[in-house]
Amino acid sequence: MSKKREIVSLVIGFAGIMVGVLCTRFLNMAMMGLPLAVRMFTFIAAYWIIAIAPVVLVIASREKLSDLGFEKSKIGLQILIGTGLGLLMSLVLTLVPHLLGLGEYVNSGKEYIYVWQYVWEFLYCILGVGLVEEFAFRGFIFKRFKNLFGKDFLAVICSSALFGLFHIFGGSLIQMVLTGLIGALFCFFKLKIRNCSTLSLIIAHGVYDAMIAVWAGVFLG
């Protein structure tokens, strides 16, 4: 693919991602009147809207999942690595602030009291948030920047900056910067840790996000 086509694909893909965010937020509000069991499924499905544009572009360019960092071999090891990284991130970035009395700054605002709510949180964070965001940013967007610049370093910076911008509708400037740094950390994992694939990042991302609610339940519940 030529650089011009890469740029066009990148612009269209990211624009589609941002439109998808707005659509997801609108649908989530519209679905609040539905039965709980239905909402649990539709919240995950609605999040997949964010990935529609990247998926269409990947199919149109005839890319393989391997081009986006997915691997067929050692699936179990990939999942194990992702789980370990997610838990490690949770310990450092969420548990430590709670222990230092700064838990309110790393709290997602979700207040759960039942076990099934935490189970659903893990499903939502892995199959919704983790799957979509890692495919879109550490897969689709990272690959475009890597093809444009030919260097991992620039691809990490640019894809992570867009990852921070992606959260513009749900947080402050400081939160966007911190999210961008977390995106860079995910890139580092993928580039430097053997057998850490995009699947590993999906698991790590989901586990890390879900554990925020777990620690909030422990310390703030």
C-alpha atoms as a PDB file:
ATOM      1  CA  MET A   1       0.000   0.000   0.000  1.00  0.00           C
ATOM      2  CA  SER A   2       1.379   3.460  -0.960  1.00  0.00           C
ATOM      3  CA  LYS A   3       1.969   6.107   1.680  1.00  0.00           C
ATOM      4  CA  LYS A   4      -0.874   8.193   0.290  1.00  0.00           C
ATOM      5  CA  ARG A   5      -3.267   5.289   0.679  1.00  0.00           C
ATOM      6  CA  GLU A   6      -1.908   4.629   4.160  1.00  0.00           C
ATOM      7  CA  ILE A   7      -2.644   8.228   5.160  1.00  0.00           C
ATOM      8  CA  VAL A   8      -6.148   8.082   3.688  1.00  0.00           C
ATOM      9  CA  SER A   9      -6.789   4.781   5.446  1.00  0.00           C
ATOM     10  CA  LEU A  10      -5.474   6.189   8.727  1.00  0.00           C
ATOM     11  CA  VAL A  11      -7.609   9.343   8.537  1.00  0.00           C
ATOM     12  CA  ILE A  12     -10.774   7.474   7.568  1.00  0.00           C
ATOM     13  CA  GLY A  13     -10.125   4.787  10.161  1.00  0.00           C
ATOM     14  CA  PHE A  14      -9.586   7.208  13.042  1.00  0.00           C
ATOM     15  CA  ALA A  15     -12.525   9.362  11.985  1.00  0.00           C
ATOM     16  CA  GLY A  16     -14.659   6.231  11.973  1.00  0.00           C
ATOM     17  CA  ILE A  17     -13.388   5.331  15.424  1.00  0.00           C
ATOM     18  CA  MET A  18     -14.350   8.728  16.835  1.00  0.00           C
ATOM     19  CA  VAL A  19     -17.783   8.618  15.194  1.00  0.00           C
ATOM     20  CA  GLY A  20     -18.149   5.147  16.659  1.00  0.00           C
ATOM     21  CA  VAL A  21     -17.438   6.508  20.147  1.00  0.00           C
ATOM     22  CA  LEU A  22     -20.262   9.022  19.818  1.00  0.00           C
ATOM     23  CA  CYS A  23     -22.625   6.375  18.460  1.00  0.00           C
ATOM     24  CA  THR A  24     -21.744   4.028  21.311  1.00  0.00           C
ATOM     25  CA  ARG A  25     -22.373   6.696  23.938  1.00  0.00           C
ATOM     26  CA  PHE A  26     -25.724   7.560  22.359  1.00  0.00           C
ATOM     27  CA  LEU A  27     -26.795   3.916  22.129  1.00  0.00           C
ATOM     28  CA  ASN A  28     -25.798   3.204  25.716  1.00  0.00           C
ATOM     29  CA  MET A  29     -28.002   6.043  26.930  1.00  0.00           C
ATOM     30  CA  ALA A  30     -30.850   4.923  24.671  1.00  0.00           C
ATOM     31  CA  MET A  31     -30.636   1.369  26.002  1.00  0.00           C
ATOM     32  CA  MET A  32     -30.938   2.290  29.677  1.00  0.00           C
ATOM     33  CA  GLY A  33     -34.643   1.443  29.612  1.00  0.00           C
ATOM     34  CA  LEU A  34     -34.054  -2.123  28.416  1.00  0.00           C
ATOM     35  CA  PRO A  35     -34.066  -5.130  30.767  1.00  0.00           C
ATOM     36  CA  LEU A  36     -30.777  -5.637  32.574  1.00  0.00           C
ATOM     37  CA  ALA A  37     -29.917  -8.926  30.842  1.00  0.00           C
ATOM     38  CA  VAL A  38     -30.407  -7.303  27.437  1.00  0.00           C
ATOM     39  CA  ARG A  39     -28.314  -4.269  28.362  1.00  0.00           C
ATOM     40  CA  MET A  40     -25.445  -6.473  29.489  1.00  0.00           C
ATOM     41  CA  PHE A  41     -25.192  -7.972  26.010  1.00  0.00           C
ATOM     42  CA  THR A  42     -25.941  -4.825  24.031  1.00  0.00           C
ATOM     43  CA  PHE A  43     -23.346  -2.732  25.909  1.00  0.00           C
ATOM     44  CA  ILE A  44     -20.632  -5.083  24.666  1.00  0.00           C
ATOM     45  CA  ALA A  45     -22.070  -5.273  21.143  1.00  0.00           C
ATOM     46  CA  ALA A  46     -22.463  -1.485  20.983  1.00  0.00           C
ATOM     47  CA  TYR A  47     -18.776  -1.008  21.778  1.00  0.00           C
ATOM     48  CA  TRP A  48     -17.864  -2.991  18.679  1.00  0.00           C
ATOM     49  CA  ILE A  49     -19.288  -0.129  16.576  1.00  0.00           C
ATOM     50  CA  ILE A  50     -16.039   1.721  17.271  1.00  0.00           C
ATOM     51  CA  ALA A  51     -14.089  -0.898  15.311  1.00  0.00           C
ATOM     52  CA  ILE A  52     -16.341  -0.987  12.226  1.00  0.00           C
ATOM     53  CA  ALA A  53     -14.278   1.445  10.127  1.00  0.00           C
ATOM     54  CA  PRO A  54     -10.916  -0.240  10.884  1.00  0.00           C
ATOM     55  CA  VAL A  55     -12.406  -3.679  10.206  1.00  0.00           C
ATOM     56  CA  VAL A  56     -13.808  -2.577   6.842  1.00  0.00           C
ATOM     57  CA  LEU A  57     -10.494  -1.002   5.860  1.00  0.00           C
ATOM     58  CA  VAL A  58      -8.522  -4.075   6.892  1.00  0.00           C
ATOM     59  CA  ILE A  59     -10.797  -6.301   4.819  1.00  0.00           C
ATOM     60  CA  ALA A  60     -10.656  -3.906   1.858  1.00  0.00           C
ATOM     61  CA  SER A  61      -6.842  -3.898   1.918  1.00  0.00           C
ATOM     62  CA  ARG A  62      -6.799  -7.702   2.253  1.00  0.00           C
ATOM     63  CA  GLU A  63      -4.691  -7.611   5.368  1.00  0.00           C
ATOM     64  CA  LYS A  64      -4.307 -10.658   7.560  1.00  0.00           C
ATOM     65  CA  LEU A  65      -4.754 -10.705  11.307  1.00  0.00           C
ATOM     66  CA  SER A  66      -1.059 -11.542  11.527  1.00  0.00           C
ATOM     67  CA  ASP A  67      -0.341  -8.128   9.979  1.00  0.00           C
ATOM     68  CA  LEU A  68      -2.020  -6.572  13.023  1.00  0.00           C
ATOM     69  CA  GLY A  69      -0.041  -8.517  15.585  1.00  0.00           C
ATOM     70  CA  PHE A  70      -2.204 -11.594  16.062  1.00  0.00           C
ATOM     71  CA  GLU A  71      -0.450 -14.960  16.227  1.00  0.00           C
ATOM     72  CA  LYS A  72      -1.770 -18.496  15.688  1.00  0.00           C
ATOM     73  CA  SER A  73       0.747 -20.374  17.801  1.00  0.00           C
ATOM     74  CA  LYS A  74       0.989 -20.619  21.594  1.00  0.00           C
ATOM     75  CA  ILE A  75      -2.477 -19.155  22.231  1.00  0.00           C
ATOM     76  CA  GLY A  76      -2.419 -20.339  25.829  1.00  0.00           C
ATOM     77  CA  LEU A  77       0.903 -18.621  26.456  1.00  0.00           C
ATOM     78  CA  GLN A  78      -0.362 -15.421  24.838  1.00  0.00           C
ATOM     79  CA  ILE A  79      -3.381 -15.425  27.157  1.00  0.00           C
ATOM     80  CA  LEU A  80      -1.190 -16.177  30.177  1.00  0.00           C
ATOM     81  CA  ILE A  81       1.144 -13.300  29.311  1.00  0.00           C
ATOM     82  CA  GLY A  82      -1.783 -10.942  28.854  1.00  0.00           C
ATOM     83  CA  THR A  83      -3.333 -11.955  32.179  1.00  0.00           C
ATOM     84  CA  GLY A  84      -0.033 -11.501  33.984  1.00  0.00           C
ATOM     85  CA  LEU A  85       0.589  -8.092  32.455  1.00  0.00           C
ATOM     86  CA  GLY A  86      -2.934  -6.940  33.270  1.00  0.00           C
ATOM     87  CA  LEU A  87      -2.586  -7.985  36.897  1.00  0.00           C
ATOM     88  CA  LEU A  88       0.881  -6.415  37.162  1.00  0.00           C
ATOM     89  CA  MET A  89      -0.427  -3.123  35.761  1.00  0.00           C
ATOM     90  CA  SER A  90      -3.316  -3.294  38.205  1.00  0.00           C
ATOM     91  CA  LEU A  91      -1.003  -3.767  41.166  1.00  0.00           C
ATOM     92  CA  VAL A  92       1.263  -0.863  40.192  1.00  0.00           C
ATOM     93  CA  LEU A  93      -1.227   1.611  38.723  1.00  0.00           C
ATOM     94  CA  THR A  94      -4.316   0.916  40.834  1.00  0.00           C
ATOM     95  CA  LEU A  95      -3.508  -0.942  44.053  1.00  0.00           C
ATOM     96  CA  VAL A  96      -0.540   1.251  45.001  1.00  0.00           C
ATOM     97  CA  PRO A  97      -2.547   4.508  44.683  1.00  0.00           C
ATOM     98  CA  HIS A  98      -5.261   2.961  46.887  1.00  0.00           C
ATOM     99  CA  LEU A  99      -2.674   2.028  49.507  1.00  0.00           C
ATOM    100  CA  LEU A 100      -1.346   5.602  49.382  1.00  0.00           C
ATOM    101  CA  GLY A 101      -4.815   7.015  49.989  1.00  0.00           C
ATOM    102  CA  LEU A 102      -5.230   8.172  46.390  1.00  0.00           C
ATOM    103  CA  GLY A 103      -7.881   5.658  45.410  1.00  0.00           C
ATOM    104  CA  GLU A 104     -10.371   8.295  44.296  1.00  0.00           C
ATOM    105  CA  TYR A 105      -8.018   9.258  41.457  1.00  0.00           C
ATOM    106  CA  VAL A 106      -7.925   5.738  39.996  1.00  0.00           C
ATOM    107  CA  ASN A 107     -11.583   4.878  40.531  1.00  0.00           C
ATOM    108  CA  SER A 108     -13.803   4.305  37.493  1.00  0.00           C
ATOM    109  CA  GLY A 109     -16.912   5.292  39.449  1.00  0.00           C
ATOM    110  CA  LYS A 110     -18.456   1.819  39.234  1.00  0.00           C
ATOM    111  CA  GLU A 111     -19.913   0.593  42.505  1.00  0.00           C
ATOM    112  CA  TYR A 112     -20.566  -3.160  42.478  1.00  0.00           C
ATOM    113  CA  ILE A 113     -21.805  -5.337  45.337  1.00  0.00           C
ATOM    114  CA  TYR A 114     -22.570  -8.655  43.649  1.00  0.00           C
ATOM    115  CA  VAL A 115     -20.147 -11.223  42.243  1.00  0.00           C
ATOM    116  CA  TRP A 116     -22.026 -11.442  38.918  1.00  0.00           C
ATOM    117  CA  GLN A 117     -21.434  -7.699  38.423  1.00  0.00           C
ATOM    118  CA  TYR A 118     -17.674  -8.199  38.625  1.00  0.00           C
ATOM    119  CA  VAL A 119     -17.904 -11.177  36.260  1.00  0.00           C
ATOM    120  CA  TRP A 120     -19.782  -9.019  33.770  1.00  0.00           C
ATOM    121  CA  GLU A 121     -17.192  -6.258  34.199  1.00  0.00           C
ATOM    122  CA  PHE A 122     -14.420  -8.641  33.153  1.00  0.00           C
ATOM    123  CA  LEU A 123     -16.445  -9.798  30.135  1.00  0.00           C
ATOM    124  CA  TYR A 124     -17.224  -6.223  29.102  1.00  0.00           C
ATOM    125  CA  CYS A 125     -13.671  -4.994  29.585  1.00  0.00           C
ATOM    126  CA  ILE A 126     -12.102  -7.897  27.670  1.00  0.00           C
ATOM    127  CA  LEU A 127     -14.668  -8.623  24.928  1.00  0.00           C
ATOM    128  CA  GLY A 128     -15.692  -4.986  24.522  1.00  0.00           C
ATOM    129  CA  VAL A 129     -13.126  -2.405  25.545  1.00  0.00           C
ATOM    130  CA  GLY A 130      -9.959  -4.491  25.313  1.00  0.00           C
ATOM    131  CA  LEU A 131     -10.846  -6.223  22.059  1.00  0.00           C
ATOM    132  CA  VAL A 132     -11.960  -3.077  20.253  1.00  0.00           C
ATOM    133  CA  GLU A 133      -9.287  -0.661  21.486  1.00  0.00           C
ATOM    134  CA  GLU A 134      -6.331  -2.989  21.014  1.00  0.00           C
ATOM    135  CA  PHE A 135      -7.472  -4.039  17.548  1.00  0.00           C
ATOM    136  CA  ALA A 136      -7.995  -0.399  16.602  1.00  0.00           C
ATOM    137  CA  PHE A 137      -4.936   1.238  18.160  1.00  0.00           C
ATOM    138  CA  ARG A 138      -2.178  -1.336  18.705  1.00  0.00           C
ATOM    139  CA  GLY A 139      -3.314  -3.174  15.591  1.00  0.00           C
ATOM    140  CA  PHE A 140      -4.823  -1.039  12.829  1.00  0.00           C
ATOM    141  CA  ILE A 141      -3.455   2.420  13.707  1.00  0.00           C
ATOM    142  CA  PHE A 142      -0.027   1.256  14.897  1.00  0.00           C
ATOM    143  CA  LYS A 143       0.424  -0.682  11.662  1.00  0.00           C
ATOM    144  CA  ARG A 144      -0.461   2.388   9.553  1.00  0.00           C
ATOM    145  CA  PHE A 145       2.042   4.591  11.342  1.00  0.00           C
ATOM    146  CA  LYS A 146       4.687   1.866  11.159  1.00  0.00           C
ATOM    147  CA  ASN A 147       4.155   1.622   7.388  1.00  0.00           C
ATOM    148  CA  LEU A 148       4.349   5.415   7.049  1.00  0.00           C
ATOM    149  CA  PHE A 149       7.460   6.039   9.145  1.00  0.00           C
ATOM    150  CA  GLY A 150       9.167   2.664   9.078  1.00  0.00           C
ATOM    151  CA  LYS A 151      10.131   3.044  12.744  1.00  0.00           C
ATOM    152  CA  ASP A 152       8.514   1.524  15.823  1.00  0.00           C
ATOM    153  CA  PHE A 153       9.381   4.557  17.971  1.00  0.00           C
ATOM    154  CA  LEU A 154       7.364   7.000  15.859  1.00  0.00           C
ATOM    155  CA  ALA A 155       4.518   4.518  15.517  1.00  0.00           C
ATOM    156  CA  VAL A 156       4.392   4.193  19.310  1.00  0.00           C
ATOM    157  CA  ILE A 157       4.281   7.963  19.844  1.00  0.00           C
ATOM    158  CA  CYS A 158       1.669   8.678  17.171  1.00  0.00           C
ATOM    159  CA  SER A 159      -0.637   5.759  17.916  1.00  0.00           C
ATOM    160  CA  SER A 160      -0.477   6.489  21.655  1.00  0.00           C
ATOM    161  CA  ALA A 161      -1.251  10.176  21.069  1.00  0.00           C
ATOM    162  CA  LEU A 162      -4.359   9.197  19.116  1.00  0.00           C
ATOM    163  CA  PHE A 163      -5.254   6.731  21.864  1.00  0.00           C
ATOM    164  CA  GLY A 164      -5.190   9.587  24.355  1.00  0.00           C
ATOM    165  CA  LEU A 165      -7.285  11.752  22.032  1.00  0.00           C
ATOM    166  CA  PHE A 166      -9.730   8.872  21.686  1.00  0.00           C
ATOM    167  CA  HIS A 167     -10.696   9.457  25.331  1.00  0.00           C
ATOM    168  CA  ILE A 168     -11.486  13.147  24.847  1.00  0.00           C
ATOM    169  CA  PHE A 169     -15.216  12.646  25.444  1.00  0.00           C
ATOM    170  CA  GLY A 170     -14.825  10.911  28.765  1.00  0.00           C
ATOM    171  CA  GLY A 171     -12.066  12.646  30.682  1.00  0.00           C
ATOM    172  CA  SER A 172      -9.856  15.645  31.380  1.00  0.00           C
ATOM    173  CA  LEU A 173      -6.647  16.626  29.606  1.00  0.00           C
ATOM    174  CA  ILE A 174      -4.614  14.961  32.358  1.00  0.00           C
ATOM    175  CA  GLN A 175      -6.583  11.738  31.916  1.00  0.00           C
ATOM    176  CA  MET A 176      -5.999  11.871  28.162  1.00  0.00           C
ATOM    177  CA  VAL A 177      -2.251  12.250  28.690  1.00  0.00           C
ATOM    178  CA  LEU A 178      -2.166   9.380  31.194  1.00  0.00           C
ATOM    179  CA  THR A 179      -4.199   7.213  28.848  1.00  0.00           C
ATOM    180  CA  GLY A 180      -1.767   8.004  26.050  1.00  0.00           C
ATOM    181  CA  LEU A 181       1.104   6.875  28.283  1.00  0.00           C
ATOM    182  CA  ILE A 182      -0.727   3.646  29.054  1.00  0.00           C
ATOM    183  CA  GLY A 183      -1.152   3.152  25.312  1.00  0.00           C
ATOM    184  CA  ALA A 184       2.604   3.562  24.898  1.00  0.00           C
ATOM    185  CA  LEU A 185       3.109   0.979  27.640  1.00  0.00           C
ATOM    186  CA  PHE A 186       0.947  -1.509  25.740  1.00  0.00           C
ATOM    187  CA  CYS A 187       3.058  -0.853  22.634  1.00  0.00           C
ATOM    188  CA  PHE A 188       6.204  -1.495  24.664  1.00  0.00           C
ATOM    189  CA  PHE A 189       4.805  -4.814  25.878  1.00  0.00           C
ATOM    190  CA  LYS A 190       4.022  -5.886  22.332  1.00  0.00           C
ATOM    191  CA  LEU A 191       7.410  -4.887  20.950  1.00  0.00           C
ATOM    192  CA  LYS A 192       9.658  -6.066  23.754  1.00  0.00           C
ATOM    193  CA  ILE A 193       8.024  -9.122  25.318  1.00  0.00           C
ATOM    194  CA  ARG A 194       8.325 -12.378  23.434  1.00  0.00           C
ATOM    195  CA  ASN A 195       4.970 -13.997  22.514  1.00  0.00           C
ATOM    196  CA  CYS A 196       3.109 -10.866  23.619  1.00  0.00           C
ATOM    197  CA  SER A 197       0.652 -10.523  20.751  1.00  0.00           C
ATOM    198  CA  THR A 198      -2.338  -8.293  20.116  1.00  0.00           C
ATOM    199  CA  LEU A 199      -4.408 -11.008  21.799  1.00  0.00           C
ATOM    200  CA  SER A 200      -2.171 -10.673  24.862  1.00  0.00           C
ATOM    201  CA  LEU A 201      -2.818  -6.924  24.884  1.00  0.00           C
ATOM    202  CA  ILE A 202      -6.564  -7.460  24.622  1.00  0.00           C
ATOM    203  CA  ILE A 203      -6.451  -9.660  27.726  1.00  0.00           C
ATOM    204  CA  ALA A 204      -4.061  -7.318  29.573  1.00  0.00           C
ATOM    205  CA  HIS A 205      -6.160  -4.267  28.750  1.00  0.00           C
ATOM    206  CA  GLY A 206      -9.382  -5.954  29.818  1.00  0.00           C
ATOM    207  CA  VAL A 207      -7.984  -7.374  33.051  1.00  0.00           C
ATOM    208  CA  TYR A 208      -6.403  -4.047  34.010  1.00  0.00           C
ATOM    209  CA  ASP A 209      -9.633  -2.106  33.378  1.00  0.00           C
ATOM    210  CA  ALA A 210     -11.811  -4.649  35.182  1.00  0.00           C
ATOM    211  CA  MET A 211      -9.537  -4.742  38.220  1.00  0.00           C
ATOM    212  CA  ILE A 212     -10.161  -1.022  38.735  1.00  0.00           C
ATOM    213  CA  ALA A 213     -13.701  -1.901  39.835  1.00  0.00           C
ATOM    214  CA  VAL A 214     -12.406  -4.780  41.963  1.00  0.00           C
ATOM    215  CA  TRP A 215      -9.977  -2.601  43.921  1.00  0.00           C
ATOM    216  CA  ALA A 216     -12.640   0.090  44.291  1.00  0.00           C
ATOM    217  CA  GLY A 217     -14.932  -2.536  45.808  1.00  0.00           C
ATOM    218  CA  VAL A 218     -12.195  -3.586  48.239  1.00  0.00           C
ATOM    219  CA  PHE A 219     -11.090  -0.133  49.385  1.00  0.00           C
ATOM    220  CA  LEU A 220     -14.046   2.158  48.727  1.00  0.00           C
ATOM    221  CA  GLY A 221     -16.976  -0.237  49.081  1.00  0.00           C
END
